Each structure stands twice: as C-alpha cells, then as structure tokens.
Amino acid sequence: MTAASSTAGEIAARIDRLPLTWVQWRLALITQLAWGVIIALDGMPATLYPYVWGPAHAFGPAEFSLLLSFQFGIGILAGEYVMGYLGDRLGRRTAMIISALAVSLLIWPTALTDNFGLLLLFFALGSLGMGGVLAANVVYMTEIAPPHIRGRLNQGAQTLAVLAAAVLRNVPAIFLLPHAYRLYIYLEAAFPLIILLPFLIWGLPESPRWLEARGRRAEAEAVMARLERQVARYAGELPPPDVSRHRVETVEHVPVREIFSGIYLRRTIVLMISWTLGYAGIVYGQAGFAPLFLAAHHFTAGMTFTTLLWTGIVGGMGALFVGSLTGERFERRGLILTGGVLGLLTAVVLYTWTTPTGLVVGALLGNAGLNFWLFNMYNYTAAAYPTRLRSVGTGWTDGLGHVGSVFGPIVAGSLFAATAAQGFVGWLAWFAIPGGLVPGLLVYFLGFNQKKAVLEQISA
C-alpha cells in the first residue's frame, strides 16, 4: 500500500496502476445509471406529442418542433455550462446529485397543463439537470479508468445507460399512453429521486483524481486508500505506481479560458462543431421524430414504444457491447466515424424498405448508430482535457453542441413535413449526412489519438 505523499500526480498514478475489478465496474455503472435515469426524461415531448397533444389539437407541428428545441437545446446547454463549472468547482459527484434533484423537481409540472408556453418553460427548466449529468457522468468514469482498460470499462458500463434509458422511457409509455399520460410524467419525474439518488449519495465517492487536482490531498488519500483496499481483495498485491507519467497541476479556481488556448483551442473548435452537427442530426434530429415517423406509418402507441424499447436495447446495447469487446484496439475517432456510417445506412433502409419489418430493422440500425456515435463522442471529449478543467471542457463543447439541438429539430421538422410525400427523404438525409457522417469525418481527420494513452498525457 502506498502512503500519502505531496507528489502531484501520485493519486492519478495509483488509479492507473489498478487492475480492472468489480470496484471500477461498480463506480462506472453508477455514473451510467445516472445518465440512463435522467436522460430517460429527455425527449418527453417527442413521446407525448404524437399520441397526446397532437390528437387533442393542443398545438401544432411548428410548436412541437420549438418545444423540442427548448428541451433538447436551450435548457441542456444552460445546464451543461452551469453544471460543468460546478463539476470542476464542487466535484463530479456533487454535480450529479444537483442534476438529479433539478430534473425531478422542475419537470413534473408539465403533467398539470397542455398550455404551450408553460410546457416550454418547464421542459426547458427541467433539462438543466439533463445538461448537468451530461457534463459530469463520463468525466467521473474516465477519471477512474486506467488507460489500458478505458475503452472496455467505459463502453461496457454505458450499456447500462442505454438499458436504463430505454426501459424507463418506453415501458411506462407502453402501459400508460395515451390514457394516463399525467401518471406517466409523474412516474418519470420520480425515477431520479427514488432510483438514482441513493446510489449517488451512498455508493459513489468523489473522484480522487479531481480531489488531487483541487489540492485536497487528505480527502483524495482517504478515497484512494479505500479503493485500493477494495481492489486488493480481488487482485491481491498491487504493482507500484509510476508517478513520472502523471503530471498534475493543482488549482483553486476553474481556468475556463484555458479551453480556448494552446493545444486545447483546436480540440475545442473541432468538438464544438462536431457536437453541434451531431445533436442537430443523428441524435435529436433522428430520435426527436422517430415516434412521429412510426406513427405516420400507422404504428399505434403500443407498437411504437415496444419497437423503440427493444430496438433501443438490442441496437444500442449491442453496439456498445461490441465497442467494449474491442477495448483499446481501435482509435476512438474511428469508432465515432463508424457510428456516422451506421446512421447513413439507417436512412437508406428507412427510405427503401417501408414495410413494418423494414421499419423495425431501420429502428434497430438507428439506435445502434446513434449510441455508437454518441457514447464514443462522450468518451473522446472527456479525455481531451486535463483534470483541472475536464468537466468544464466537456460541458462547454457538449453544451455548445446543444445549439444544434435548438435549430436541429426545427430544420428536421420542416424537412419531415415538406418531404412526407417523398418518404420523408429530406429528414432522413438531414440526420444521416450533415448530422452523422460529416461530424464523424471531422473528428476522424482533425482529431487526435487516445488509444491506451495515460490520461494526464493525452490531455496535457
């Protein structure tokens, strides 16, 4: 066992020498449970509009697109900036706890009204917590993952995120929509409180890497020593840490401007552009209109959400499971491009194969491509910045990317309506090419390598 030391980087070195055991899996799974439980509420307007507000003529397609823009875009963007800063200032665990409280307490009033203005307000406020979990969850997981198993651990744990989001979003919808939609909203809003908060409060210690970077050595030592004892129960005697490869700069304040200077400037610009296009297209441009697309092809509510449930689980989890098996054998920027190619294949299938079987196959491919692109982008982004500004860097790039979530649904909705008679070809082309393939190509050709690299070296 290594004693406490004043050497900056010792905690990071001690994390990276640990063999993979249930200890790291447990911590990573809790962070991904946070993603899944909170993001299950993301896109609730897309779930409710085709079968509740639309048939009731509460508001029209243009207002629906604007509602998606406010939840997907403006609210999450603000949440990522605020919570990204808090994640670096107060801690990763603290940011996730605040996010869980925010999304639960601010989104439940949408059950009490179908007034468009009030829905716009409360969905935007509730999505502040969604932005918070996006800025914090993958950052924490990346910081406890040694370099040689980062890909395996991250994508393996992210299968739980996909499972939790698919089940919690779609199973209640199958049984409660459209007749009991208010109960559906109340139930969704309660999930972060009753499922997630106990795990965050009692099961997740603060990131020792972050504690060290903040100069809180005694707390970092206490957490690290406990993790080492737990790992040693599974793995036996631990190898000595190599501090020479882990240079950590301790700071008291969050140097936000640093993400726009030095080697980080190019990374920030590429990530901001790629996130903006991806959120506009393969993520929200696709997912925001998938229920409406299936409804337009005569799928009932039960058929739609059953299809999205199992294709989300099989397609999303399957893609990440394959990614986990590859571990660190492939560069992550190549995996991001693969997700974009799958998005293009999805559009081709949905356009050319319009039978119920073809639509299900398209939904399966769509979930695979979306999740493979999205989660590899999360992992790639978190590793682009040093510990002192990892959360704020992730929050600013992923957050600004949600500008794409502002205009993306409006563009996607316009193309969806304008090309309905042509098989929705405009919508399909939008999410597949500028929204999936192009950002994949940007990261692939302008990005940087991360495979098996020490976190302090690839982000220094």
Protein backbone atom coordinates (compact mmCIF):
# COMPACT_ATOMS: atom_id res chain seq x y z
CA MET A 1 0.00 0.00 0.00
CA THR A 2 1.28 3.44 -0.91
CA ALA A 3 1.38 6.08 1.80
CA ALA A 4 0.18 9.63 1.33
CA SER A 5 2.61 11.90 -0.45
CA SER A 6 2.91 15.51 -1.54
CA THR A 7 3.83 14.40 -5.07
CA ALA A 8 1.32 15.92 -7.53
CA GLY A 9 0.17 13.09 -9.77
CA GLU A 10 0.59 10.29 -7.25
CA ILE A 11 -3.16 9.71 -6.91
CA ALA A 12 -3.58 9.60 -10.69
CA ALA A 13 -0.67 7.15 -10.94
CA ARG A 14 -2.18 4.95 -8.24
CA ILE A 15 -5.51 4.87 -10.10
CA ASP A 16 -3.86 3.91 -13.38
CA ARG A 17 -1.86 1.01 -11.92
CA LEU A 18 -5.02 -0.73 -10.64
CA PRO A 19 -6.15 -3.91 -12.41
CA LEU A 20 -9.77 -3.95 -13.55
CA THR A 21 -12.04 -5.38 -10.85
CA TRP A 22 -15.64 -5.09 -9.70
CA VAL A 23 -14.60 -1.91 -7.83
CA GLN A 24 -14.18 0.15 -11.01
CA TRP A 25 -17.17 -1.53 -12.65
CA ARG A 26 -19.38 -0.56 -9.69
CA LEU A 27 -18.36 3.11 -9.83
CA ALA A 28 -18.69 3.27 -13.62
CA LEU A 29 -22.10 1.59 -13.56
CA ILE A 30 -23.42 4.11 -11.03
CA THR A 31 -22.38 7.01 -13.27
CA GLN A 32 -24.09 5.37 -16.24
CA LEU A 33 -27.20 4.67 -14.20
CA ALA A 34 -27.22 8.43 -13.64
CA TRP A 35 -27.12 9.04 -17.38
CA GLY A 36 -29.84 6.50 -18.14
CA VAL A 37 -32.28 7.50 -15.39
CA ILE A 38 -32.05 11.23 -16.11
CA ILE A 39 -31.89 11.02 -19.91
CA ALA A 40 -35.00 8.80 -19.88
CA LEU A 41 -36.84 12.12 -19.45
CA ASP A 42 -35.03 13.69 -22.40
CA GLY A 43 -37.34 13.90 -25.38
CA MET A 44 -40.56 13.51 -23.41
CA PRO A 45 -42.33 15.92 -25.82
CA ALA A 46 -41.42 13.56 -28.69
CA THR A 47 -43.01 10.71 -26.74
CA LEU A 48 -46.21 12.60 -25.88
CA TYR A 49 -46.97 14.71 -28.94
CA PRO A 50 -47.95 12.02 -31.48
CA TYR A 51 -50.42 10.35 -29.10
CA VAL A 52 -51.50 13.07 -26.62
CA TRP A 53 -51.07 16.73 -27.58
CA GLY A 54 -51.26 16.23 -31.36
CA PRO A 55 -54.58 14.29 -31.44
CA ALA A 56 -56.01 16.73 -28.84
CA HIS A 57 -55.03 19.69 -31.10
CA ALA A 58 -53.32 21.35 -28.13
CA PHE A 59 -50.74 22.85 -30.51
CA GLY A 60 -49.35 22.17 -33.95
CA PRO A 61 -46.21 20.69 -35.53
CA ALA A 62 -44.34 24.02 -35.54
CA GLU A 63 -44.84 24.45 -31.79
CA PHE A 64 -43.83 20.83 -31.28
CA SER A 65 -40.51 21.45 -33.05
CA LEU A 66 -39.95 24.53 -30.91
CA LEU A 67 -40.70 22.52 -27.76
CA LEU A 68 -38.04 20.00 -28.77
CA SER A 69 -35.61 22.87 -29.38
CA PHE A 70 -36.10 24.27 -25.89
CA GLN A 71 -35.74 20.94 -24.11
CA PHE A 72 -33.05 19.38 -26.29
CA GLY A 73 -31.16 22.61 -26.81
CA ILE A 74 -31.53 25.72 -24.68
CA GLY A 75 -32.18 24.01 -21.33
CA ILE A 76 -29.46 21.39 -21.71
CA LEU A 77 -26.97 23.97 -23.00
CA ALA A 78 -27.52 26.14 -19.91
CA GLY A 79 -27.33 23.07 -17.67
CA GLU A 80 -24.04 21.94 -19.15
CA TYR A 81 -22.43 25.35 -18.71
CA VAL A 82 -23.62 25.79 -15.13
CA MET A 83 -23.15 22.19 -14.00
CA GLY A 84 -19.92 21.80 -15.97
CA TYR A 85 -18.48 24.65 -13.95
CA LEU A 86 -19.86 23.20 -10.70
CA GLY A 87 -18.41 19.82 -11.61
CA ASP A 88 -14.92 21.31 -11.67
CA ARG A 89 -15.59 23.67 -8.75
CA LEU A 90 -17.55 21.45 -6.33
CA GLY A 91 -16.95 17.94 -7.60
CA ARG A 92 -18.27 15.39 -10.10
CA ARG A 93 -20.46 13.58 -7.56
CA THR A 94 -21.96 16.84 -6.27
CA ALA A 95 -22.85 17.94 -9.81
CA MET A 96 -24.68 14.67 -10.48
CA ILE A 97 -26.65 14.93 -7.22
CA ILE A 98 -27.73 18.50 -8.04
CA SER A 99 -28.68 17.37 -11.55
CA ALA A 100 -30.91 14.57 -10.27
CA LEU A 101 -32.73 16.98 -7.96
CA ALA A 102 -33.12 19.62 -10.67
CA VAL A 103 -34.65 17.38 -13.30
CA SER A 104 -37.12 15.76 -10.90
CA LEU A 105 -38.29 18.92 -9.18
CA LEU A 106 -38.61 21.06 -12.30
CA ILE A 107 -40.23 18.76 -14.88
CA TRP A 108 -43.24 17.32 -13.02
CA PRO A 109 -45.43 20.46 -13.50
CA THR A 110 -45.72 19.58 -17.21
CA ALA A 111 -48.32 16.99 -16.13
CA LEU A 112 -50.66 19.77 -14.98
CA THR A 113 -51.10 21.66 -18.26
CA ASP A 114 -51.19 21.43 -22.04
CA ASN A 115 -50.58 25.17 -22.41
CA PHE A 116 -47.74 25.52 -24.88
CA GLY A 117 -45.99 28.41 -23.09
CA LEU A 118 -45.96 26.65 -19.73
CA LEU A 119 -44.77 23.40 -21.29
CA LEU A 120 -41.96 25.33 -22.98
CA LEU A 121 -40.93 26.85 -19.65
CA PHE A 122 -40.93 23.72 -17.51
CA PHE A 123 -39.35 21.40 -20.08
CA ALA A 124 -36.53 23.94 -20.51
CA LEU A 125 -36.06 24.26 -16.73
CA GLY A 126 -36.15 20.51 -16.19
CA SER A 127 -33.50 19.94 -18.82
CA LEU A 128 -30.98 21.92 -16.74
CA GLY A 129 -30.45 18.70 -14.79
CA MET A 130 -30.06 16.75 -18.02
CA GLY A 131 -27.24 19.05 -19.05
CA GLY A 132 -25.65 18.56 -15.65
CA VAL A 133 -25.47 14.79 -15.89
CA LEU A 134 -24.06 15.02 -19.42
CA ALA A 135 -21.22 17.22 -18.16
CA ALA A 136 -20.38 15.01 -15.16
CA ASN A 137 -21.06 11.30 -15.68
CA VAL A 138 -18.49 10.41 -18.33
CA VAL A 139 -15.91 12.70 -16.70
CA TYR A 140 -16.10 10.73 -13.44
CA MET A 141 -15.96 7.38 -15.24
CA THR A 142 -12.98 8.45 -17.35
CA GLU A 143 -11.09 9.56 -14.25
CA ILE A 144 -11.33 6.17 -12.51
CA ALA A 145 -10.45 4.12 -15.63
CA PRO A 146 -6.80 3.04 -16.15
CA PRO A 147 -5.67 3.63 -19.75
CA HIS A 148 -5.33 0.01 -20.79
CA ILE A 149 -8.98 -0.77 -19.97
CA ARG A 150 -10.64 2.63 -20.56
CA GLY A 151 -12.49 1.59 -23.71
CA ARG A 152 -13.63 -1.71 -22.25
CA LEU A 153 -14.83 -0.18 -18.98
CA ASN A 154 -16.47 2.91 -20.47
CA GLN A 155 -18.44 1.25 -23.25
CA GLY A 156 -19.21 -1.80 -21.14
CA ALA A 157 -20.72 0.36 -18.40
CA GLN A 158 -22.52 2.53 -20.93
CA THR A 159 -24.65 -0.45 -21.93
CA LEU A 160 -26.41 0.09 -18.58
CA ALA A 161 -27.10 3.71 -19.56
CA VAL A 162 -28.78 2.58 -22.78
CA LEU A 163 -30.76 -0.14 -20.97
CA ALA A 164 -31.95 2.17 -18.20
CA ALA A 165 -32.99 4.94 -20.60
CA ALA A 166 -34.80 2.55 -22.97
CA VAL A 167 -36.68 0.74 -20.20
CA LEU A 168 -37.60 3.77 -18.10
CA ARG A 169 -38.70 5.81 -21.12
CA ASN A 170 -40.63 3.16 -23.06
CA VAL A 171 -42.07 0.59 -20.64
CA PRO A 172 -44.25 3.12 -18.77
CA ALA A 173 -45.25 4.60 -22.17
CA ILE A 174 -46.45 1.20 -23.40
CA PHE A 175 -48.85 0.85 -20.47
CA LEU A 176 -49.79 4.47 -19.70
CA LEU A 177 -50.05 6.29 -23.05
CA PRO A 178 -52.20 7.94 -24.10
CA HIS A 179 -54.92 7.38 -21.48
CA ALA A 180 -52.83 8.06 -18.33
CA TYR A 181 -50.15 10.40 -19.62
CA ARG A 182 -50.16 12.54 -16.44
CA LEU A 183 -49.24 9.48 -14.40
CA TYR A 184 -46.53 8.78 -16.96
CA ILE A 185 -44.97 12.22 -16.37
CA TYR A 186 -45.18 11.92 -12.57
CA LEU A 187 -43.54 8.50 -12.70
CA GLU A 188 -40.74 9.64 -14.99
CA ALA A 189 -40.05 12.67 -12.78
CA ALA A 190 -39.85 10.44 -9.68
CA PHE A 191 -37.27 8.00 -11.09
CA PRO A 192 -34.17 10.18 -10.43
CA LEU A 193 -35.22 10.63 -6.80
CA ILE A 194 -36.18 7.06 -5.94
CA ILE A 195 -33.75 5.11 -8.13
CA LEU A 196 -30.70 7.30 -8.61
CA LEU A 197 -30.13 9.49 -5.56
CA PRO A 198 -29.46 6.60 -3.12
CA PHE A 199 -26.68 5.29 -5.38
CA LEU A 200 -25.10 8.73 -5.80
CA ILE A 201 -25.25 9.62 -2.11
CA TRP A 202 -24.20 6.31 -0.55
CA GLY A 203 -22.45 4.42 -3.35
CA LEU A 204 -20.27 6.96 -5.15
CA PRO A 205 -17.22 8.61 -3.53
CA GLU A 206 -15.88 11.83 -5.01
CA SER A 207 -13.39 11.38 -7.84
CA PRO A 208 -9.93 11.07 -6.22
CA ARG A 209 -8.35 12.44 -9.40
CA TRP A 210 -10.43 15.60 -9.05
CA LEU A 211 -9.66 15.89 -5.32
CA GLU A 212 -5.95 15.72 -6.06
CA ALA A 213 -6.20 18.35 -8.79
CA ARG A 214 -8.02 20.64 -6.34
CA GLY A 215 -5.22 20.24 -3.81
CA ARG A 216 -7.45 18.31 -1.37
CA ARG A 217 -4.78 15.67 -0.70
CA ALA A 218 -6.14 14.28 2.58
CA GLU A 219 -9.56 13.58 1.05
CA ALA A 220 -8.01 12.16 -2.10
CA GLU A 221 -5.81 9.89 0.01
CA ALA A 222 -8.79 8.67 2.05
CA VAL A 223 -10.82 7.78 -1.05
CA MET A 224 -7.82 6.26 -2.83
CA ALA A 225 -6.79 4.12 0.11
CA ARG A 226 -10.30 2.73 0.39
CA LEU A 227 -10.40 1.90 -3.33
CA GLU A 228 -7.01 0.22 -3.13
CA ARG A 229 -8.11 -1.96 -0.22
CA GLN A 230 -11.22 -2.98 -2.15
CA VAL A 231 -9.28 -3.76 -5.34
CA ALA A 232 -6.65 -5.71 -3.39
CA ARG A 233 -9.36 -8.08 -2.11
CA TYR A 234 -9.95 -9.16 -5.71
CA ALA A 235 -6.50 -8.76 -7.25
CA GLY A 236 -4.00 -9.33 -4.46
CA GLU A 237 -0.84 -7.25 -4.12
CA LEU A 238 -0.88 -4.12 -6.27
CA PRO A 239 2.01 -3.05 -8.53
CA PRO A 240 3.87 0.18 -7.66
CA PRO A 241 2.61 3.40 -9.30
CA ASP A 242 4.66 5.20 -11.96
CA VAL A 243 4.38 8.86 -10.93
CA SER A 244 6.72 10.00 -13.72
CA ARG A 245 3.94 9.69 -16.32
CA HIS A 246 1.33 11.61 -14.31
CA ARG A 247 1.94 15.36 -14.07
CA VAL A 248 -0.96 17.03 -12.25
CA GLU A 249 -1.32 20.79 -11.80
CA THR A 250 -3.28 21.63 -8.66
CA VAL A 251 -5.56 24.68 -8.87
CA GLU A 252 -8.01 26.51 -6.64
CA HIS A 253 -10.07 28.10 -9.40
CA VAL A 254 -11.52 26.74 -12.64
CA PRO A 255 -9.48 28.19 -15.57
CA VAL A 256 -12.33 28.27 -18.10
CA ARG A 257 -10.42 30.39 -20.65
CA GLU A 258 -7.79 27.68 -20.95
CA ILE A 259 -10.02 25.52 -23.16
CA PHE A 260 -9.70 28.27 -25.79
CA SER A 261 -5.90 28.48 -25.75
CA GLY A 262 -2.84 26.38 -26.57
CA ILE A 263 -3.38 22.82 -27.73
CA TYR A 264 -6.94 22.87 -26.42
CA LEU A 265 -8.17 25.52 -28.87
CA ARG A 266 -8.21 23.19 -31.90
CA ARG A 267 -9.75 20.38 -29.86
CA THR A 268 -12.47 22.70 -28.56
CA ILE A 269 -13.33 24.02 -32.03
CA VAL A 270 -13.48 20.56 -33.63
CA LEU A 271 -15.56 19.19 -30.77
CA MET A 272 -17.98 22.13 -30.76
CA ILE A 273 -18.63 21.83 -34.50
CA SER A 274 -18.95 18.05 -34.36
CA TRP A 275 -21.27 18.07 -31.35
CA THR A 276 -23.42 20.78 -32.95
CA LEU A 277 -23.89 18.82 -36.18
CA GLY A 278 -24.37 15.52 -34.36
CA TYR A 279 -27.01 16.80 -31.97
CA ALA A 280 -28.81 18.50 -34.84
CA GLY A 281 -28.84 15.28 -36.81
CA ILE A 282 -28.03 11.75 -35.73
CA VAL A 283 -29.04 12.36 -32.10
CA TYR A 284 -32.04 14.68 -31.74
CA GLY A 285 -32.84 15.18 -35.41
CA GLN A 286 -33.32 11.43 -35.63
CA ALA A 287 -34.66 10.48 -32.19
CA GLY A 288 -36.95 13.51 -31.85
CA PHE A 289 -39.01 12.46 -34.86
CA ALA A 290 -38.73 8.65 -34.67
CA PRO A 291 -42.07 8.22 -32.83
CA LEU A 292 -43.78 10.59 -35.29
CA PHE A 293 -42.22 8.68 -38.22
CA LEU A 294 -43.58 5.36 -36.93
CA ALA A 295 -46.98 6.94 -36.20
CA ALA A 296 -47.06 8.21 -39.79
CA HIS A 297 -46.64 4.58 -40.87
CA HIS A 298 -49.70 3.56 -38.81
CA PHE A 299 -47.90 2.30 -35.70
CA THR A 300 -50.09 2.58 -32.60
CA ALA A 301 -48.64 3.94 -29.34
CA GLY A 302 -48.10 0.40 -28.05
CA MET A 303 -46.41 -0.69 -31.28
CA THR A 304 -44.22 2.43 -31.40
CA PHE A 305 -42.85 2.25 -27.87
CA THR A 306 -42.49 -1.52 -27.90
CA THR A 307 -40.43 -1.15 -31.09
CA LEU A 308 -38.32 1.66 -29.64
CA LEU A 309 -37.84 -0.30 -26.41
CA TRP A 310 -36.42 -3.49 -27.84
CA THR A 311 -34.55 -1.89 -30.75
CA GLY A 312 -33.04 0.57 -28.27
CA ILE A 313 -31.90 -2.26 -26.02
CA VAL A 314 -30.68 -4.63 -28.74
CA GLY A 315 -29.28 -1.98 -31.10
CA GLY A 316 -27.87 0.43 -28.53
CA MET A 317 -26.54 -2.11 -26.06
CA GLY A 318 -25.31 -4.38 -28.86
CA ALA A 319 -23.25 -1.60 -30.44
CA LEU A 320 -21.67 -0.64 -27.12
CA PHE A 321 -21.05 -4.27 -26.20
CA VAL A 322 -19.11 -4.72 -29.44
CA GLY A 323 -17.22 -1.49 -28.64
CA SER A 324 -16.40 -2.80 -25.18
CA LEU A 325 -15.01 -6.03 -26.62
CA THR A 326 -12.67 -4.08 -28.89
CA GLY A 327 -11.28 -2.33 -25.80
CA GLU A 328 -8.41 -0.06 -26.78
CA ARG A 329 -7.57 -1.84 -30.04
CA PHE A 330 -9.05 0.94 -32.21
CA GLU A 331 -8.76 4.71 -32.06
CA ARG A 332 -11.93 6.25 -30.68
CA ARG A 333 -12.20 8.73 -33.54
CA GLY A 334 -12.53 5.77 -35.92
CA LEU A 335 -15.37 4.39 -33.79
CA ILE A 336 -17.14 7.77 -33.96
CA LEU A 337 -16.95 7.64 -37.76
CA THR A 338 -18.37 4.11 -37.68
CA GLY A 339 -21.40 5.45 -35.83
CA GLY A 340 -21.89 8.05 -38.57
CA VAL A 341 -21.73 5.36 -41.27
CA LEU A 342 -24.37 3.34 -39.41
CA GLY A 343 -26.56 6.46 -39.37
CA LEU A 344 -26.28 6.71 -43.15
CA LEU A 345 -27.20 3.04 -43.51
CA THR A 346 -30.23 3.67 -41.28
CA ALA A 347 -31.54 6.37 -43.61
CA VAL A 348 -31.11 4.13 -46.67
CA VAL A 349 -33.04 1.29 -45.01
CA LEU A 350 -35.89 3.52 -43.80
CA TYR A 351 -36.26 5.08 -47.25
CA THR A 352 -36.13 1.89 -49.33
CA TRP A 353 -37.78 -0.67 -47.02
CA THR A 354 -41.06 0.75 -45.73
CA THR A 355 -42.80 -2.45 -44.62
CA PRO A 356 -43.25 -2.96 -40.85
CA THR A 357 -40.25 -5.32 -40.89
CA GLY A 358 -38.12 -2.75 -42.70
CA LEU A 359 -39.10 -0.02 -40.26
CA VAL A 360 -38.12 -2.22 -37.33
CA VAL A 361 -34.77 -3.05 -38.96
CA GLY A 362 -34.23 0.66 -39.59
CA ALA A 363 -35.04 1.49 -35.95
CA LEU A 364 -32.55 -1.18 -34.86
CA LEU A 365 -29.78 0.26 -37.03
CA GLY A 366 -30.72 3.79 -35.99
CA ASN A 367 -30.32 3.01 -32.30
CA ALA A 368 -27.03 1.24 -32.96
CA GLY A 369 -25.59 4.14 -34.94
CA LEU A 370 -26.87 6.84 -32.60
CA ASN A 371 -25.49 5.21 -29.46
CA PHE A 372 -22.18 4.19 -31.02
CA TRP A 373 -21.63 7.77 -32.24
CA LEU A 374 -22.90 9.44 -29.07
CA PHE A 375 -21.11 7.44 -26.38
CA ASN A 376 -17.79 7.34 -28.21
CA MET A 377 -18.05 11.11 -28.56
CA TYR A 378 -18.65 11.37 -24.80
CA ASN A 379 -15.57 9.27 -24.07
CA TYR A 380 -13.44 11.09 -26.63
CA THR A 381 -14.44 14.52 -25.29
CA ALA A 382 -13.81 13.74 -21.62
CA ALA A 383 -10.28 12.61 -22.41
CA ALA A 384 -9.48 15.77 -24.36
CA TYR A 385 -8.97 17.99 -21.30
CA PRO A 386 -6.88 17.82 -18.10
CA THR A 387 -8.48 17.14 -14.71
CA ARG A 388 -8.49 20.78 -13.63
CA LEU A 389 -10.91 21.67 -16.46
CA ARG A 390 -12.22 18.30 -17.68
CA SER A 391 -15.80 18.91 -16.56
CA VAL A 392 -15.98 22.47 -17.85
CA GLY A 393 -14.34 21.45 -21.15
CA THR A 394 -16.84 18.65 -21.58
CA GLY A 395 -19.69 20.94 -20.56
CA TRP A 396 -18.69 23.76 -22.92
CA THR A 397 -18.14 21.59 -26.01
CA ASP A 398 -21.05 19.21 -25.49
CA GLY A 399 -23.09 22.16 -24.19
CA LEU A 400 -22.49 24.41 -27.17
CA GLY A 401 -23.23 21.37 -29.29
CA HIS A 402 -26.77 21.62 -27.99
CA VAL A 403 -27.14 24.71 -30.17
CA GLY A 404 -27.61 22.00 -32.77
CA SER A 405 -30.46 20.75 -30.63
CA VAL A 406 -32.03 24.20 -30.90
CA PHE A 407 -32.08 24.52 -34.68
CA GLY A 408 -31.86 20.79 -35.47
CA PRO A 409 -35.45 19.86 -34.56
CA ILE A 410 -36.76 22.94 -36.41
CA VAL A 411 -34.86 22.01 -39.58
CA ALA A 412 -35.67 18.32 -39.16
CA GLY A 413 -39.35 19.10 -38.55
CA SER A 414 -39.55 21.33 -41.62
CA LEU A 415 -37.90 18.68 -43.80
CA PHE A 416 -40.06 15.99 -42.22
CA ALA A 417 -43.25 17.83 -43.22
CA ALA A 418 -42.01 19.08 -46.60
CA THR A 419 -40.91 15.65 -47.85
CA ALA A 420 -43.62 13.49 -46.26
CA ALA A 421 -44.98 12.58 -49.70
CA GLN A 422 -41.48 11.54 -50.83
CA GLY A 423 -40.90 9.09 -47.99
CA PHE A 424 -39.54 11.78 -45.62
CA VAL A 425 -36.33 11.79 -47.65
CA GLY A 426 -35.35 15.29 -46.52
CA TRP A 427 -35.47 14.31 -42.85
CA LEU A 428 -33.58 11.08 -43.49
CA ALA A 429 -30.84 12.85 -45.43
CA TRP A 430 -30.58 15.56 -42.75
CA PHE A 431 -29.81 13.30 -39.81
CA ALA A 432 -27.65 10.90 -41.85
CA ILE A 433 -25.26 13.12 -43.80
CA PRO A 434 -24.64 16.56 -42.20
CA GLY A 435 -25.88 15.17 -38.87
CA GLY A 436 -23.88 11.95 -38.67
CA LEU A 437 -21.38 11.29 -41.42
CA VAL A 438 -19.89 14.81 -41.59
CA PRO A 439 -19.09 15.17 -37.85
CA GLY A 440 -17.67 11.64 -37.91
CA LEU A 441 -15.33 12.65 -40.73
CA LEU A 442 -14.34 15.88 -38.91
CA VAL A 443 -13.29 14.02 -35.77
CA TYR A 444 -11.56 11.28 -37.74
CA PHE A 445 -9.39 13.61 -39.84
CA LEU A 446 -8.90 16.54 -37.43
CA GLY A 447 -8.94 14.73 -34.08
CA PHE A 448 -6.13 13.26 -32.00
CA ASN A 449 -5.17 9.76 -30.86
CA GLN A 450 -6.18 8.41 -27.44
CA LYS A 451 -5.62 4.66 -27.66
CA LYS A 452 -4.02 3.25 -24.46
CA ALA A 453 -2.62 6.67 -23.54
CA VAL A 454 -2.23 7.91 -19.96
CA LEU A 455 -4.98 10.42 -19.24
CA GLU A 456 -2.55 13.07 -17.96
CA GLN A 457 -0.54 12.75 -21.19
CA ILE A 458 -3.29 12.87 -23.81
CA SER A 459 -4.94 15.82 -22.06
CA ALA A 460 -1.81 17.77 -21.09
